[in-house]
């Protein structure tokens, strides 16, 4: 067995924690039985990976997996535009329906209609709008399915955003079960994106870890693919093992607290300057969502390790595989007594709250130990 200390990652950083989980998932795909633990090194918590792979094979394998998730089939240039147009029409139709519903209810009351008569009258008023919404849902689902079929069936091939019709997501899930078409981590990664049991406005609700759902022209899947395309074996080795960040002018996923660059005590607005993004760490972090499975709840969609509008994750000192690591993440260790944590080998627990200072873009704030 070989052991690699990832000195480019800091366990107290939410982006780096997710990237560590992504590295473990992909390493286990390449050579089943991979393990990870956390080591205190120069004041930082560094992840260590244990695997049968040698250094060259490990770096090349990670790069191949990450880059492969970015590769898409050829699509008609108007396919993505059609999806966006239909989404906008569907949203507009949904808003119009809510307004008409309120107006019709008030009108029925004003006419003094009985309960049954009022319901029939309201249903009649809303019927054309409901028919239009059903038609838009069918057209949108068809456009999304055509787009995803053309893009491929990987963990980032739904389009530009996670929000697609439930049947499109189910189709991806079914395809990921075919051993001839995918790898084990693809199934886990899809489970980290959404659940077809949680739908809003005809589309699945994305994981709460998704901060790029169209606002400020940011799109989670599109931004991941742009970062992942740049990943090579050399940049993996430099970024993870040597701590030499490979940067590029691509959009980050907003998971690094350093991504939040507000206009404060500066002579110009830093938001207008596109920063250099650590594309290796961002790409691995996206794939690390496979460790924080989406969870349907009565109030909507939740996710493993996402607690009260924040990300909470443990660090451990024993060599743990993928399944046990996922169990620790799901166990909400911040609620455990210190003796329970120690018994489970947990050496630290960190929390990063979601910050949205401008109301337009979400970020993870600086983490604190809890």
Protein backbone atom coordinates (compact mmCIF):
# COMPACT_ATOMS: atom_id res chain seq x y z
CA UNK A 1 0.00 0.00 0.00
CA UNK A 2 1.10 3.58 -0.71
CA UNK A 3 0.20 6.65 1.30
CA UNK A 4 -0.05 10.17 -0.09
CA UNK A 5 -0.37 13.33 2.00
CA UNK A 6 -2.38 15.96 0.13
CA UNK A 7 -0.50 19.06 1.32
CA UNK A 8 -2.45 21.28 -1.05
CA UNK A 9 -5.69 20.69 0.87
CA UNK A 10 -6.75 22.10 4.24
CA UNK A 11 -9.39 20.15 6.15
CA UNK A 12 -10.78 23.31 7.76
CA UNK A 13 -11.76 24.73 4.36
CA UNK A 14 -15.18 23.59 3.03
CA UNK A 15 -14.00 23.50 -0.58
CA UNK A 16 -10.92 21.48 0.34
CA UNK A 17 -12.93 19.10 2.53
CA UNK A 18 -15.27 18.33 -0.38
CA UNK A 19 -12.26 17.95 -2.70
CA UNK A 20 -10.75 15.44 -0.25
CA UNK A 21 -13.97 13.43 -0.35
CA UNK A 22 -13.91 13.58 -4.14
CA UNK A 23 -10.32 12.32 -4.20
CA UNK A 24 -11.26 9.40 -1.93
CA UNK A 25 -14.25 8.44 -4.11
CA UNK A 26 -12.26 8.50 -7.33
CA UNK A 27 -9.29 6.68 -5.80
CA UNK A 28 -11.63 3.93 -4.61
CA UNK A 29 -13.02 3.70 -8.15
CA UNK A 30 -9.55 3.28 -9.55
CA UNK A 31 -8.42 0.75 -6.94
CA UNK A 32 -11.18 -0.51 -4.60
CA UNK A 33 -10.26 -0.46 -0.95
CA UNK A 34 -8.84 3.07 -0.80
CA UNK A 35 -8.69 4.67 2.65
CA UNK A 36 -8.36 8.21 3.98
CA UNK A 37 -7.48 9.86 7.28
CA UNK A 38 -6.51 13.33 8.49
CA UNK A 39 -3.07 14.30 9.76
CA UNK A 40 -2.06 17.47 11.60
CA UNK A 41 0.79 18.95 9.57
CA UNK A 42 2.34 22.42 10.06
CA UNK A 43 -0.81 23.64 11.79
CA UNK A 44 -3.20 22.34 9.11
CA UNK A 45 -5.32 19.23 8.84
CA UNK A 46 -4.12 17.42 5.73
CA UNK A 47 -5.93 14.45 4.17
CA UNK A 48 -3.90 11.32 3.58
CA UNK A 49 -4.89 8.74 0.98
CA UNK A 50 -3.87 5.08 1.19
CA UNK A 51 -4.07 3.06 -2.03
CA UNK A 52 -2.36 0.29 -3.96
CA UNK A 53 -1.67 2.75 -6.81
CA UNK A 54 1.73 4.31 -7.27
CA UNK A 55 2.06 8.08 -7.52
CA UNK A 56 2.05 8.27 -11.31
CA UNK A 57 -0.93 5.95 -11.72
CA UNK A 58 -2.85 7.76 -8.98
CA UNK A 59 -2.39 11.24 -10.48
CA UNK A 60 -3.09 10.02 -13.99
CA UNK A 61 -6.15 8.10 -12.84
CA UNK A 62 -7.66 11.03 -10.96
CA UNK A 63 -7.07 13.33 -13.93
CA UNK A 64 -8.68 10.84 -16.32
CA UNK A 65 -11.76 10.45 -14.12
CA UNK A 66 -12.18 14.20 -13.56
CA UNK A 67 -11.54 15.15 -17.17
CA UNK A 68 -13.84 12.37 -18.36
CA UNK A 69 -16.71 13.85 -16.37
CA UNK A 70 -16.31 17.06 -18.38
CA UNK A 71 -16.49 15.45 -21.82
CA UNK A 72 -19.82 15.96 -23.56
CA UNK A 73 -21.30 14.78 -26.78
CA UNK A 74 -21.98 17.24 -29.57
CA UNK A 75 -25.17 19.21 -29.17
CA UNK A 76 -27.11 21.61 -31.31
CA UNK A 77 -26.12 25.15 -30.34
CA UNK A 78 -29.74 26.03 -29.77
CA UNK A 79 -30.49 23.08 -27.47
CA UNK A 80 -29.37 24.80 -24.28
CA UNK A 81 -31.08 28.02 -25.36
CA UNK A 82 -34.34 26.10 -25.90
CA UNK A 83 -34.16 24.67 -22.39
CA UNK A 84 -33.52 28.09 -20.86
CA UNK A 85 -36.32 29.68 -22.88
CA UNK A 86 -38.81 27.02 -21.85
CA UNK A 87 -37.72 27.28 -18.21
CA UNK A 88 -38.36 31.02 -18.32
CA UNK A 89 -41.77 30.46 -19.92
CA UNK A 90 -42.62 27.82 -17.31
CA UNK A 91 -41.69 30.14 -14.46
CA UNK A 92 -43.70 32.97 -15.97
CA UNK A 93 -46.70 30.66 -16.40
CA UNK A 94 -46.38 29.46 -12.80
CA UNK A 95 -46.30 33.02 -11.49
CA UNK A 96 -49.31 33.93 -13.64
CA UNK A 97 -51.21 30.94 -12.26
CA UNK A 98 -50.58 31.99 -8.65
CA UNK A 99 -51.77 35.52 -9.41
CA UNK A 100 -54.88 34.26 -11.22
CA UNK A 101 -55.64 31.80 -8.43
CA UNK A 102 -55.60 34.56 -5.85
CA UNK A 103 -57.72 36.84 -8.03
CA UNK A 104 -60.26 34.09 -8.80
CA UNK A 105 -60.60 33.19 -5.12
CA UNK A 106 -61.28 36.79 -4.17
CA UNK A 107 -63.76 37.14 -7.04
CA UNK A 108 -65.65 34.00 -5.97
CA UNK A 109 -65.98 35.38 -2.47
CA UNK A 110 -67.22 38.69 -3.88
CA UNK A 111 -69.94 36.88 -5.82
CA UNK A 112 -71.16 35.19 -2.66
CA UNK A 113 -70.87 31.69 -4.16
CA UNK A 114 -71.17 28.61 -1.98
CA UNK A 115 -68.15 26.40 -1.36
CA UNK A 116 -68.90 23.88 -4.11
CA UNK A 117 -69.97 26.50 -6.64
CA UNK A 118 -66.93 28.64 -5.83
CA UNK A 119 -64.59 25.69 -6.36
CA UNK A 120 -66.15 24.90 -9.75
CA UNK A 121 -65.99 28.53 -10.82
CA UNK A 122 -62.35 28.90 -9.75
CA UNK A 123 -61.39 25.64 -11.47
CA UNK A 124 -63.04 26.84 -14.68
CA UNK A 125 -61.15 30.14 -14.55
CA UNK A 126 -57.82 28.39 -13.97
CA UNK A 127 -58.27 25.47 -16.40
CA UNK A 128 -56.67 27.20 -19.42
CA UNK A 129 -53.66 28.25 -17.34
CA UNK A 130 -53.25 24.73 -15.94
CA UNK A 131 -53.42 23.28 -19.45
CA UNK A 132 -50.71 25.70 -20.58
CA UNK A 133 -48.48 24.68 -17.65
CA UNK A 134 -48.91 20.98 -18.44
CA UNK A 135 -48.00 21.65 -22.06
CA UNK A 136 -44.91 23.63 -21.04
CA UNK A 137 -43.86 20.86 -18.62
CA UNK A 138 -44.05 18.29 -21.41
CA UNK A 139 -42.14 20.47 -23.86
CA UNK A 140 -39.50 21.33 -21.27
CA UNK A 141 -39.01 17.70 -20.26
CA UNK A 142 -38.61 16.75 -23.91
CA UNK A 143 -36.05 19.51 -24.50
CA UNK A 144 -34.11 18.54 -21.37
CA UNK A 145 -34.13 14.87 -22.29
CA UNK A 146 -32.89 15.61 -25.81
CA UNK A 147 -30.12 17.80 -24.40
CA UNK A 148 -29.01 15.28 -21.77
CA UNK A 149 -29.05 12.44 -24.32
CA UNK A 150 -26.71 14.48 -26.51
CA UNK A 151 -24.44 15.57 -23.65
CA UNK A 152 -23.99 12.10 -22.16
CA UNK A 153 -24.84 10.31 -18.92
CA UNK A 154 -22.13 11.40 -16.51
CA UNK A 155 -22.53 13.29 -13.20
CA UNK A 156 -22.49 16.67 -14.96
CA UNK A 157 -24.45 15.99 -18.13
CA UNK A 158 -27.95 17.10 -17.20
CA UNK A 159 -27.40 20.47 -18.87
CA UNK A 160 -26.09 23.63 -17.20
CA UNK A 161 -28.03 23.24 -13.96
CA UNK A 162 -29.29 20.36 -11.84
CA UNK A 163 -32.91 21.56 -12.13
CA UNK A 164 -34.40 19.21 -14.74
CA UNK A 165 -37.62 17.22 -15.06
CA UNK A 166 -37.73 14.20 -12.69
CA UNK A 167 -37.83 11.72 -15.59
CA UNK A 168 -34.57 13.13 -17.00
CA UNK A 169 -32.89 12.60 -13.65
CA UNK A 170 -34.35 9.09 -13.32
CA UNK A 171 -33.03 8.22 -16.78
CA UNK A 172 -29.54 9.24 -15.71
CA UNK A 173 -29.89 7.16 -12.58
CA UNK A 174 -30.97 4.07 -14.49
CA UNK A 175 -28.11 4.42 -16.94
CA UNK A 176 -25.60 4.76 -14.09
CA UNK A 177 -26.62 1.29 -12.86
CA UNK A 178 -25.32 -0.29 -16.06
CA UNK A 179 -21.76 -1.46 -15.25
CA UNK A 180 -20.84 -1.20 -18.91
CA UNK A 181 -21.61 2.54 -19.02
CA UNK A 182 -20.34 4.04 -15.79
CA UNK A 183 -18.30 3.69 -12.61
CA UNK A 184 -19.50 3.30 -9.04
CA UNK A 185 -18.83 6.90 -8.10
CA UNK A 186 -21.20 8.13 -10.83
CA UNK A 187 -24.14 6.60 -8.99
CA UNK A 188 -23.05 8.19 -5.73
CA UNK A 189 -22.46 11.55 -7.39
CA UNK A 190 -25.91 11.60 -8.96
CA UNK A 191 -27.39 10.79 -5.55
CA UNK A 192 -25.58 13.84 -4.21
CA UNK A 193 -27.17 16.19 -6.75
CA UNK A 194 -30.91 15.81 -6.12
CA UNK A 195 -33.83 13.45 -5.55
CA UNK A 196 -36.68 12.85 -7.96
CA UNK A 197 -38.98 12.86 -4.91
CA UNK A 198 -38.45 16.60 -4.38
CA UNK A 199 -39.90 18.68 -7.21
CA UNK A 200 -40.70 22.38 -7.54
CA UNK A 201 -42.25 23.97 -10.61
CA UNK A 202 -41.90 20.77 -12.60
CA UNK A 203 -38.15 20.43 -11.92
CA UNK A 204 -36.17 18.56 -9.29
CA UNK A 205 -34.81 20.70 -6.45
CA UNK A 206 -30.99 20.83 -6.44
CA UNK A 207 -28.85 19.91 -3.45
CA UNK A 208 -28.42 22.77 -0.95
CA UNK A 209 -24.72 22.63 -1.83
CA UNK A 210 -25.61 24.07 -5.26
CA UNK A 211 -24.85 27.79 -5.15
CA UNK A 212 -24.85 28.33 -8.94
CA UNK A 213 -28.40 27.95 -10.22
CA UNK A 214 -28.45 30.70 -12.82
CA UNK A 215 -28.00 33.79 -10.64
CA UNK A 216 -25.17 36.10 -11.68
CA UNK A 217 -24.79 33.94 -14.82
CA UNK A 218 -23.36 31.06 -12.77
CA UNK A 219 -24.35 27.47 -13.59
CA UNK A 220 -23.07 24.63 -11.42
CA UNK A 221 -22.74 21.90 -14.03
CA UNK A 222 -21.42 24.19 -16.74
CA UNK A 223 -18.87 25.74 -14.37
CA UNK A 224 -17.72 22.31 -13.19
CA UNK A 225 -17.22 21.12 -16.76
CA UNK A 226 -15.18 24.21 -17.59
CA UNK A 227 -12.88 23.56 -14.62
CA UNK A 228 -12.67 19.79 -15.13
CA UNK A 229 -11.60 20.15 -18.76
CA UNK A 230 -8.35 21.76 -17.60
CA UNK A 231 -7.35 18.99 -15.19
CA UNK A 232 -4.25 16.95 -16.08
CA UNK A 233 -2.03 14.52 -14.19
CA UNK A 234 0.57 17.27 -13.75
CA UNK A 235 -1.92 19.76 -12.29
CA UNK A 236 -3.31 17.07 -9.96
CA UNK A 237 0.17 16.31 -8.63
CA UNK A 238 1.12 19.98 -8.30
CA UNK A 239 -2.12 21.02 -6.59
CA UNK A 240 -2.71 18.08 -4.27
CA UNK A 241 0.71 16.74 -3.41
CA UNK A 242 2.90 19.82 -3.74
CA UNK A 243 0.46 22.55 -2.80
CA UNK A 244 1.21 24.53 -5.96
CA UNK A 245 -2.18 25.77 -7.12
CA UNK A 246 -2.97 25.57 -10.81
CA UNK A 247 -5.18 28.57 -11.56
CA UNK A 248 -7.25 29.61 -14.55
CA UNK A 249 -9.88 32.22 -15.35
CA UNK A 250 -12.89 29.96 -14.96
CA UNK A 251 -15.84 30.42 -12.62
CA UNK A 252 -15.48 28.91 -9.16
CA UNK A 253 -18.25 27.00 -7.39
CA UNK A 254 -18.31 29.54 -4.49
CA UNK A 255 -17.35 26.89 -1.93
CA UNK A 256 -14.04 28.48 -0.91
CA UNK A 257 -14.57 31.33 1.61
CA UNK A 258 -11.85 33.21 -0.31
CA UNK A 259 -14.22 33.38 -3.30
CA UNK A 260 -16.29 35.98 -1.46
CA UNK A 261 -14.65 39.25 -2.46
CA UNK A 262 -16.89 42.06 -1.31
CA UNK A 263 -16.56 45.74 -2.17
CA UNK A 264 -15.15 46.90 1.17
CA UNK A 265 -12.12 49.10 1.81
CA UNK A 266 -11.14 48.81 -1.85
CA UNK A 267 -10.87 51.51 -4.45
CA UNK A 268 -12.79 49.46 -7.02
CA UNK A 269 -15.33 46.66 -6.97
CA UNK A 270 -13.43 43.32 -6.87
CA UNK A 271 -16.49 41.49 -8.22
CA UNK A 272 -15.65 42.91 -11.66
CA UNK A 273 -12.22 41.31 -11.66
CA UNK A 274 -12.35 37.65 -12.54
CA UNK A 275 -10.07 35.89 -10.08
CA UNK A 276 -7.87 32.94 -10.95
CA UNK A 277 -9.67 29.76 -9.87
CA UNK A 278 -8.08 26.63 -8.44
CA UNK A 279 -9.71 24.39 -11.04
CA UNK A 280 -8.38 21.05 -9.75
CA UNK A 281 -9.76 21.56 -6.23
CA UNK A 282 -13.09 22.92 -7.50
CA UNK A 283 -13.53 19.99 -9.89
CA UNK A 284 -12.72 17.40 -7.22
CA UNK A 285 -15.03 19.16 -4.75
CA UNK A 286 -17.95 18.88 -7.16
CA UNK A 287 -17.35 15.14 -7.46
CA UNK A 288 -17.10 15.03 -3.67
CA UNK A 289 -20.85 15.70 -3.55
CA UNK A 290 -21.12 11.93 -3.92
CA UNK A 291 -20.28 11.73 -0.21
CA UNK A 292 -23.08 14.07 0.88
CA UNK A 293 -26.18 12.34 -0.47
CA UNK A 294 -29.34 14.40 -1.09
CA UNK A 295 -32.14 13.60 1.38
CA UNK A 296 -35.87 14.14 0.70
CA UNK A 297 -37.68 15.64 3.68
CA UNK A 298 -41.21 16.90 4.25
CA UNK A 299 -40.05 20.51 3.99
CA UNK A 300 -38.01 19.96 0.83
CA UNK A 301 -34.56 18.69 -0.08
CA UNK A 302 -31.77 18.34 2.45
CA UNK A 303 -28.34 16.71 2.23
CA UNK A 304 -25.99 14.72 4.40
CA UNK A 305 -23.74 17.07 6.41
CA UNK A 306 -25.86 20.13 5.53
CA UNK A 307 -27.21 21.23 8.92
CA UNK A 308 -29.28 24.37 9.60
CA UNK A 309 -28.07 26.27 6.52
CA UNK A 310 -24.47 25.26 6.92
CA UNK A 311 -21.98 22.51 6.08
CA UNK A 312 -20.66 20.43 8.99
CA UNK A 313 -17.94 17.84 8.51
CA UNK A 314 -15.76 15.71 10.79
CA UNK A 315 -12.07 14.90 10.49
CA UNK A 316 -10.84 11.51 11.67
CA UNK A 317 -7.49 9.92 12.42
CA UNK A 318 -8.20 6.31 11.46
CA UNK A 319 -7.88 4.86 7.97
CA UNK A 320 -11.49 4.78 6.75
CA UNK A 321 -12.98 3.70 3.44
CA UNK A 322 -15.75 5.37 1.46
CA UNK A 323 -18.73 3.78 3.20
CA UNK A 324 -17.57 4.37 6.77
CA UNK A 325 -16.52 7.93 5.90
CA UNK A 326 -20.00 8.61 4.50
CA UNK A 327 -21.51 7.19 7.68
CA UNK A 328 -19.45 9.59 9.81
CA UNK A 329 -20.58 12.53 7.66
CA UNK A 330 -24.20 11.47 8.08
CA UNK A 331 -23.89 11.10 11.84
CA UNK A 332 -23.95 14.85 12.61
CA UNK A 333 -21.00 14.59 15.02
CA UNK A 334 -21.48 18.20 16.20
CA UNK A 335 -24.41 16.85 18.23
CA UNK A 336 -22.26 14.15 19.86
CA UNK A 337 -20.51 14.35 23.21
CA UNK A 338 -16.73 14.63 23.11
CA UNK A 339 -16.43 11.07 24.45
CA UNK A 340 -18.58 9.77 21.57
CA UNK A 341 -16.48 11.65 19.04
CA UNK A 342 -13.28 10.27 20.50
CA UNK A 343 -14.67 6.73 20.43
CA UNK A 344 -15.38 7.17 16.72
CA UNK A 345 -11.90 8.51 16.00
CA UNK A 346 -13.13 12.04 15.25
CA UNK A 347 -10.39 14.56 15.98
CA UNK A 348 -12.21 17.74 14.89
CA UNK A 349 -15.54 18.96 13.55
CA UNK A 350 -15.86 22.09 11.43
CA UNK A 351 -18.86 24.15 10.34
CA UNK A 352 -19.18 26.68 7.53
CA UNK A 353 -22.38 28.73 7.28
CA UNK A 354 -23.91 29.82 4.00
CA UNK A 355 -23.38 33.53 3.36
CA UNK A 356 -25.32 35.67 0.89
CA UNK A 357 -24.25 39.27 1.56
CA UNK A 358 -25.67 40.79 -1.63
CA UNK A 359 -28.74 38.60 -1.96
CA UNK A 360 -27.53 37.38 -5.37
CA UNK A 361 -24.75 34.86 -4.75
CA UNK A 362 -24.23 32.29 -2.03
CA UNK A 363 -20.84 31.47 -0.54
CA UNK A 364 -19.45 29.39 2.28
CA UNK A 365 -18.18 31.58 5.10
CA UNK A 366 -14.95 30.93 6.98
CA UNK A 367 -15.28 27.68 8.89
CA UNK A 368 -15.10 27.42 12.66
CA UNK A 369 -14.30 24.42 14.79
CA UNK A 370 -17.26 23.20 16.85
